[in-house]
Protein backbone atom coordinates (compact mmCIF):
# COMPACT_ATOMS: atom_id res chain seq x y z
CA MET A 1 -5.52 -21.19 -5.79
CA SER A 2 -4.78 -17.67 -6.98
CA ILE A 3 -1.73 -16.41 -8.86
CA ALA A 4 -0.98 -12.97 -10.28
CA LEU A 5 1.44 -12.57 -13.18
CA SER A 6 3.28 -9.69 -14.82
CA ASP A 7 4.93 -9.29 -18.23
CA THR A 8 8.32 -10.89 -18.71
CA SER A 9 11.47 -8.86 -19.00
CA THR A 10 13.48 -8.83 -22.25
CA THR A 11 16.86 -9.22 -20.54
CA ALA A 12 18.70 -12.54 -20.26
CA ALA A 13 18.43 -12.60 -16.46
CA HIS A 14 15.08 -11.87 -14.85
CA ARG A 15 14.46 -10.98 -11.22
CA TYR A 16 11.09 -12.01 -9.85
CA VAL A 17 9.40 -11.55 -6.49
CA MET A 18 7.03 -14.21 -5.22
CA THR A 19 4.76 -14.37 -2.20
CA PHE A 20 3.05 -17.43 -0.74
CA VAL A 21 0.35 -17.76 1.93
CA CYS A 22 -1.29 -20.95 3.16
CA GLU A 23 -2.09 -23.05 6.20
CA ASP A 24 1.19 -24.03 7.82
CA ARG A 25 2.38 -27.60 7.31
CA PRO A 26 5.70 -29.40 6.83
CA GLY A 27 7.47 -29.30 3.46
CA ILE A 28 6.34 -25.96 2.07
CA VAL A 29 9.77 -24.30 1.87
CA HIS A 30 11.38 -27.46 0.50
CA ALA A 31 8.78 -27.71 -2.26
CA ILE A 32 9.01 -24.04 -3.23
CA THR A 33 12.80 -23.99 -3.33
CA GLY A 34 12.77 -27.23 -5.30
CA ALA A 35 10.61 -25.60 -7.96
CA ILE A 36 12.98 -22.63 -8.05
CA VAL A 37 15.95 -24.94 -8.56
CA ALA A 38 14.07 -26.62 -11.41
CA VAL A 39 14.21 -23.36 -13.40
CA ASP A 40 17.86 -22.74 -12.44
CA GLY A 41 16.75 -19.94 -10.14
CA ASN A 42 19.07 -18.33 -7.64
CA ILE A 43 17.42 -17.09 -4.43
CA ALA A 44 18.49 -13.48 -3.87
CA GLU A 45 16.27 -12.83 -0.85
CA SER A 46 13.96 -14.99 1.23
CA ARG A 47 11.82 -14.31 4.30
CA GLN A 48 9.22 -16.51 5.95
CA PHE A 49 6.97 -16.47 9.00
CA GLU A 50 4.50 -18.77 10.71
CA SER A 51 1.73 -16.97 12.58
CA GLY A 52 1.10 -18.61 15.92
CA ASP A 53 -2.35 -17.03 16.08
CA SER A 54 -3.71 -18.05 12.70
CA HIS A 55 -1.35 -20.98 12.06
CA ARG A 56 -0.77 -19.65 8.58
CA PHE A 57 2.51 -19.62 6.70
CA TYR A 58 3.86 -16.53 4.92
CA MET A 59 6.80 -16.37 2.57
CA ARG A 60 8.39 -13.80 0.25
CA VAL A 61 11.16 -14.78 -2.16
CA GLU A 62 13.15 -12.92 -4.78
CA ILE A 63 14.91 -15.00 -7.41
CA VAL A 64 17.20 -14.42 -10.39
CA THR A 65 16.75 -16.73 -13.36
CA ALA A 66 17.01 -16.86 -17.12
CA ALA A 67 13.61 -18.61 -17.22
CA SER A 68 10.54 -16.77 -18.44
CA LEU A 69 7.68 -15.95 -16.14
CA GLU A 70 5.57 -18.64 -17.77
CA GLU A 71 8.31 -21.21 -17.11
CA VAL A 72 8.48 -20.17 -13.46
CA ARG A 73 4.70 -20.40 -13.24
CA THR A 74 4.71 -23.88 -14.72
CA ALA A 75 7.40 -25.03 -12.29
CA LEU A 76 5.43 -23.74 -9.29
CA ALA A 77 1.96 -24.86 -10.42
CA GLU A 78 2.10 -28.30 -8.81
CA VAL A 79 3.40 -26.88 -5.52
CA ILE A 80 0.69 -24.22 -5.47
CA ASP A 81 -1.99 -26.86 -6.00
CA ARG A 82 -0.55 -29.30 -3.48
CA PHE A 83 -0.36 -26.81 -0.61
CA GLY A 84 -3.32 -24.62 -1.58
CA LEU A 85 -1.04 -21.60 -1.80
CA GLU A 86 -2.26 -18.07 -2.39
CA ALA A 87 0.61 -17.04 -4.66
CA THR A 88 1.76 -13.97 -6.54
CA ILE A 89 4.63 -13.69 -9.01
CA ASP A 90 5.81 -10.35 -10.32
CA ARG A 91 8.79 -8.64 -11.85
CA VAL A 92 10.89 -6.87 -9.22
CA GLY A 93 10.57 -3.11 -9.54
CA ARG A 94 7.51 -3.08 -11.78
CA PRO A 95 5.59 0.13 -11.01
CA LEU A 96 2.27 -0.63 -9.34
CA ARG A 97 -0.71 1.08 -10.97
CA THR A 98 -1.98 3.38 -8.24
CA LEU A 99 -5.05 5.61 -7.97
CA ILE A 100 -4.73 8.52 -5.52
CA LEU A 101 -7.72 10.09 -3.77
CA THR A 102 -7.19 13.44 -2.07
CA SER A 103 -8.85 16.53 -0.63
CA THR A 104 -7.47 19.97 0.32
CA ALA A 105 -4.30 18.88 2.14
CA THR A 106 -1.62 18.42 -0.51
CA HIS A 107 1.51 17.33 1.33
CA CYS A 108 0.95 13.58 0.87
CA VAL A 109 -0.24 13.61 -2.74
CA ASN A 110 2.59 15.95 -3.76
CA ASP A 111 5.19 13.67 -2.19
CA LEU A 112 3.78 10.51 -3.77
CA LEU A 113 3.74 12.12 -7.22
CA TYR A 114 7.27 13.43 -6.78
CA GLN A 115 8.65 10.11 -5.54
CA ALA A 116 6.95 8.29 -8.43
CA SER A 117 8.33 10.77 -10.99
CA THR A 118 11.90 10.31 -9.75
CA GLY A 119 11.65 6.52 -9.65
CA ASN A 120 12.13 6.40 -5.88
CA LEU A 121 8.71 4.84 -5.44
CA ALA A 122 7.64 1.91 -7.61
CA ILE A 123 4.19 3.20 -8.50
CA GLU A 124 2.59 4.54 -11.68
CA VAL A 125 -0.21 7.04 -11.10
CA PRO A 126 -2.67 7.23 -14.02
CA LEU A 127 -5.11 9.52 -12.21
CA VAL A 128 -5.61 11.67 -9.12
CA LEU A 129 -9.22 12.08 -7.96
CA GLY A 130 -10.05 14.92 -5.60
CA ASN A 131 -13.19 16.25 -3.95
CA HIS A 132 -11.53 19.70 -4.00
CA GLU A 133 -9.61 21.44 -6.78
CA THR A 134 -6.64 22.41 -4.57
CA PRO A 135 -4.36 19.47 -5.55
CA ALA A 136 -4.86 20.04 -9.29
CA ARG A 137 -1.71 22.14 -9.67
CA PHE A 138 0.47 19.41 -8.20
CA ALA A 139 -0.95 16.76 -10.50
CA GLU A 140 -0.48 19.09 -13.46
CA PHE A 141 3.13 19.81 -12.46
CA HIS A 142 3.89 16.07 -12.44
CA GLY A 143 2.00 15.43 -15.67
CA VAL A 144 -0.71 13.30 -14.05
CA PRO A 145 -4.40 13.69 -15.01
CA PHE A 146 -6.58 15.19 -12.28
CA GLU A 147 -10.34 15.02 -11.84
CA HIS A 148 -12.34 17.15 -9.44
CA ARG A 149 -15.66 15.80 -8.25
CA PRO A 150 -17.31 17.58 -5.30
CA VAL A 151 -18.71 15.55 -2.41
CA THR A 152 -21.25 17.73 -0.64
CA SER A 153 -24.24 15.38 -0.62
CA ALA A 154 -25.05 11.69 -0.45
CA GLU A 155 -25.70 11.70 -4.18
CA GLU A 156 -22.33 13.29 -4.96
CA LYS A 157 -20.57 10.86 -2.64
CA ALA A 158 -22.15 7.91 -4.44
CA ALA A 159 -21.16 9.42 -7.80
CA PHE A 160 -17.58 9.92 -6.60
CA GLU A 161 -17.31 6.32 -5.46
CA ASP A 162 -18.80 5.10 -8.74
CA ARG A 163 -16.06 7.06 -10.52
CA VAL A 164 -13.47 5.37 -8.31
CA ARG A 165 -14.76 1.97 -9.42
CA GLU A 166 -14.75 3.08 -13.07
CA ALA A 167 -11.19 4.39 -12.81
CA ILE A 168 -9.98 1.14 -11.27
CA VAL A 169 -11.27 -0.81 -14.27
CA GLU A 170 -10.27 1.83 -16.82
CA HIS A 171 -6.67 2.05 -15.63
CA ASP A 172 -6.23 -1.51 -14.32
CA VAL A 173 -5.54 -0.08 -10.85
CA GLU A 174 -3.84 -2.35 -8.32
CA LEU A 175 -3.67 0.01 -5.34
CA VAL A 176 -5.79 2.93 -4.08
CA VAL A 177 -4.16 5.46 -1.75
CA LEU A 178 -6.11 7.91 0.39
CA ALA A 179 -3.62 10.77 0.49
CA ARG A 180 -5.47 12.74 3.17
CA TYR A 181 -8.78 12.14 1.40
CA MET A 182 -11.06 13.51 4.11
CA GLN A 183 -14.15 11.47 3.33
CA ILE A 184 -15.32 8.21 4.89
CA LEU A 185 -15.63 5.50 2.26
CA SER A 186 -18.88 3.57 2.14
CA PRO A 187 -18.86 0.00 3.52
CA GLU A 188 -19.48 -1.25 -0.03
CA LEU A 189 -16.39 0.49 -1.43
CA CYS A 190 -14.32 -0.62 1.56
CA ALA A 191 -15.30 -4.20 0.75
CA ASP A 192 -14.48 -3.71 -2.93
CA LEU A 193 -11.00 -2.40 -2.04
CA ALA A 194 -10.19 -4.84 0.76
CA GLY A 195 -6.44 -5.42 1.00
CA ARG A 196 -5.56 -2.86 -1.68
CA CYS A 197 -6.46 0.54 -0.20
CA ILE A 198 -4.06 2.40 2.09
CA ASN A 199 -4.94 5.36 4.30
CA ILE A 200 -2.82 7.79 6.33
CA HIS A 201 -3.86 9.69 9.43
CA HIS A 202 -2.20 11.49 12.31
CA SER A 203 -1.80 9.48 15.47
CA PHE A 204 -1.35 11.43 18.67
CA LEU A 205 -0.69 10.12 22.15
CA PRO A 206 -3.33 10.82 23.45
CA GLY A 207 -5.46 10.86 20.32
CA PHE A 208 -7.46 13.85 19.13
CA LYS A 209 -10.35 13.71 16.71
CA GLY A 210 -12.30 16.31 14.82
CA ALA A 211 -11.18 19.72 13.60
CA ASN A 212 -7.74 21.20 14.30
CA PRO A 213 -6.12 18.16 15.94
CA TYR A 214 -2.74 19.90 16.07
CA ARG A 215 -4.19 22.82 18.04
CA GLN A 216 -5.83 20.31 20.39
CA ALA A 217 -2.49 18.59 20.78
CA TYR A 218 -0.81 21.91 21.53
CA ALA A 219 -3.41 22.76 24.16
CA ARG A 220 -2.80 19.42 25.88
CA GLY A 221 0.97 19.73 25.73
CA VAL A 222 1.61 16.47 23.91
CA LYS A 223 5.11 15.02 24.00
CA GLN A 224 4.78 12.71 21.00
CA ILE A 225 3.10 13.06 17.62
CA GLY A 226 3.12 10.69 14.70
CA ALA A 227 1.30 9.04 11.85
CA THR A 228 -0.20 5.66 10.99
CA ALA A 229 -0.61 4.10 7.55
CA HIS A 230 -3.08 1.23 7.42
CA PHE A 231 -5.39 -0.73 5.18
CA VAL A 232 -8.89 0.72 4.87
CA THR A 233 -11.72 -1.28 6.40
CA THR A 234 -15.28 -0.50 7.45
CA ASP A 235 -13.94 0.21 10.96
CA LEU A 236 -12.83 3.83 10.67
CA ASP A 237 -9.05 4.21 11.08
CA GLU A 238 -8.80 0.73 12.61
CA GLY A 239 -7.61 -1.34 9.64
CA PRO A 240 -4.48 -3.51 9.72
CA ILE A 241 -1.46 -1.28 10.35
CA ILE A 242 1.32 -1.23 7.77
CA GLU A 243 3.65 1.48 9.08
CA GLN A 244 3.85 3.93 11.97
CA GLU A 245 6.21 6.70 13.00
CA VAL A 246 6.36 8.75 16.19
CA ILE A 247 8.55 11.76 16.98
CA ARG A 248 9.08 13.61 20.26
CA VAL A 249 8.04 17.23 20.71
CA ASP A 250 7.93 19.59 23.69
CA HIS A 251 6.27 22.72 25.04
CA THR A 252 8.33 25.04 22.82
CA ARG A 253 6.50 23.95 19.66
CA SER A 254 3.72 26.18 18.36
CA PRO A 255 0.57 24.75 16.75
CA ARG A 256 1.99 25.68 13.34
CA GLU A 257 5.26 23.88 14.10
CA LEU A 258 3.38 20.82 15.36
CA MET A 259 1.40 20.74 12.12
CA ALA A 260 4.56 21.03 10.01
CA LEU A 261 6.25 18.23 11.95
CA GLY A 262 3.11 16.11 11.84
CA GLN A 263 2.61 16.54 8.11
CA ASP A 264 6.24 15.65 7.46
CA THR A 265 5.74 12.50 9.51
CA GLU A 266 2.58 11.65 7.58
CA VAL A 267 4.46 12.03 4.29
CA ARG A 268 7.27 9.70 5.32
CA THR A 269 4.94 7.11 6.84
CA LEU A 270 2.64 6.95 3.83
CA ARG A 271 5.58 6.81 1.40
CA GLN A 272 7.08 3.92 3.36
CA ALA A 273 3.80 2.00 3.49
CA VAL A 274 3.12 2.42 -0.24
CA GLY A 275 6.69 1.41 -1.04
CA LEU A 276 6.47 -1.73 1.07
CA PHE A 277 3.18 -2.69 -0.59
CA ALA A 278 4.57 -2.02 -4.08
CA GLN A 279 7.49 -4.33 -3.30
CA SER A 280 5.14 -7.17 -2.25
CA ARG A 281 6.39 -6.95 1.32
CA VAL A 282 3.00 -6.59 3.02
CA LEU A 283 0.79 -9.62 3.61
CA LEU A 284 -2.47 -9.70 5.56
CA ASP A 285 -2.85 -11.90 8.62
CA GLY A 286 -6.41 -11.25 9.75
CA SER A 287 -6.56 -7.87 11.49
CA ARG A 288 -2.80 -7.32 11.32
CA THR A 289 -0.08 -7.34 8.71
CA ILE A 290 3.07 -9.35 8.10
CA VAL A 291 5.70 -6.93 6.76
CA PHE A 292 8.91 -8.41 5.33
CA ARG A 293 11.40 -5.52 5.37
């Protein structure tokens, strides 16, 4: 059994979001809703899914109740134990503490910081870590601390990753976002961040790797470009996919225009993936995700 809790709200009516994952069996929904009724909770939103591949049950519920978080927890404790539920309970809209890693490309980190500052994205960024100094001005503009640590050797890479681990503990980080951080994380750090690290990369049809992918795409006359946001795993760029977007292009687009369109797509895709995760709408089902929109 695992359950994550947040601070209670001071208002008379609280809105909580809950997620539940377990082996599928009869009676799960009935038991959960019964516990909600026991605290005079009103279900504002509910989604559920049974995976035919893994035979696991997934559920996300938002409720409104005058009960405290501790009272809701107490009401659900017996159900969680009985069904062996992996459960989380949180306050709807609570900003998720998010560490951003970045390199020279600034379009994604700038958008995340802007969206967080306006309240459009439910994240709180205590620190931006970069292996180049380029993004520093954007962090400074948004009032977010920035640290530059070069990664030009194996020793510097290990030191950077050690700093990531320190920052996670120091700032109680719940999510790490690779906002075009152009370094491959070590298998050890990937394991440490399993299920809570999101990456963004371009996704062309066909795909192009290496330097100048947009110029390669131009040379091949691609008709679609896009972006993929996914969880980071030890398999490079092959983690469970959270969000994807594809747009059509044609022969009239220059390499510079393709890059501009591609970067705009990356920004939107990453923003959407982070937002879905922050709202507890993304649950892992093996090598894929269950996304309750």
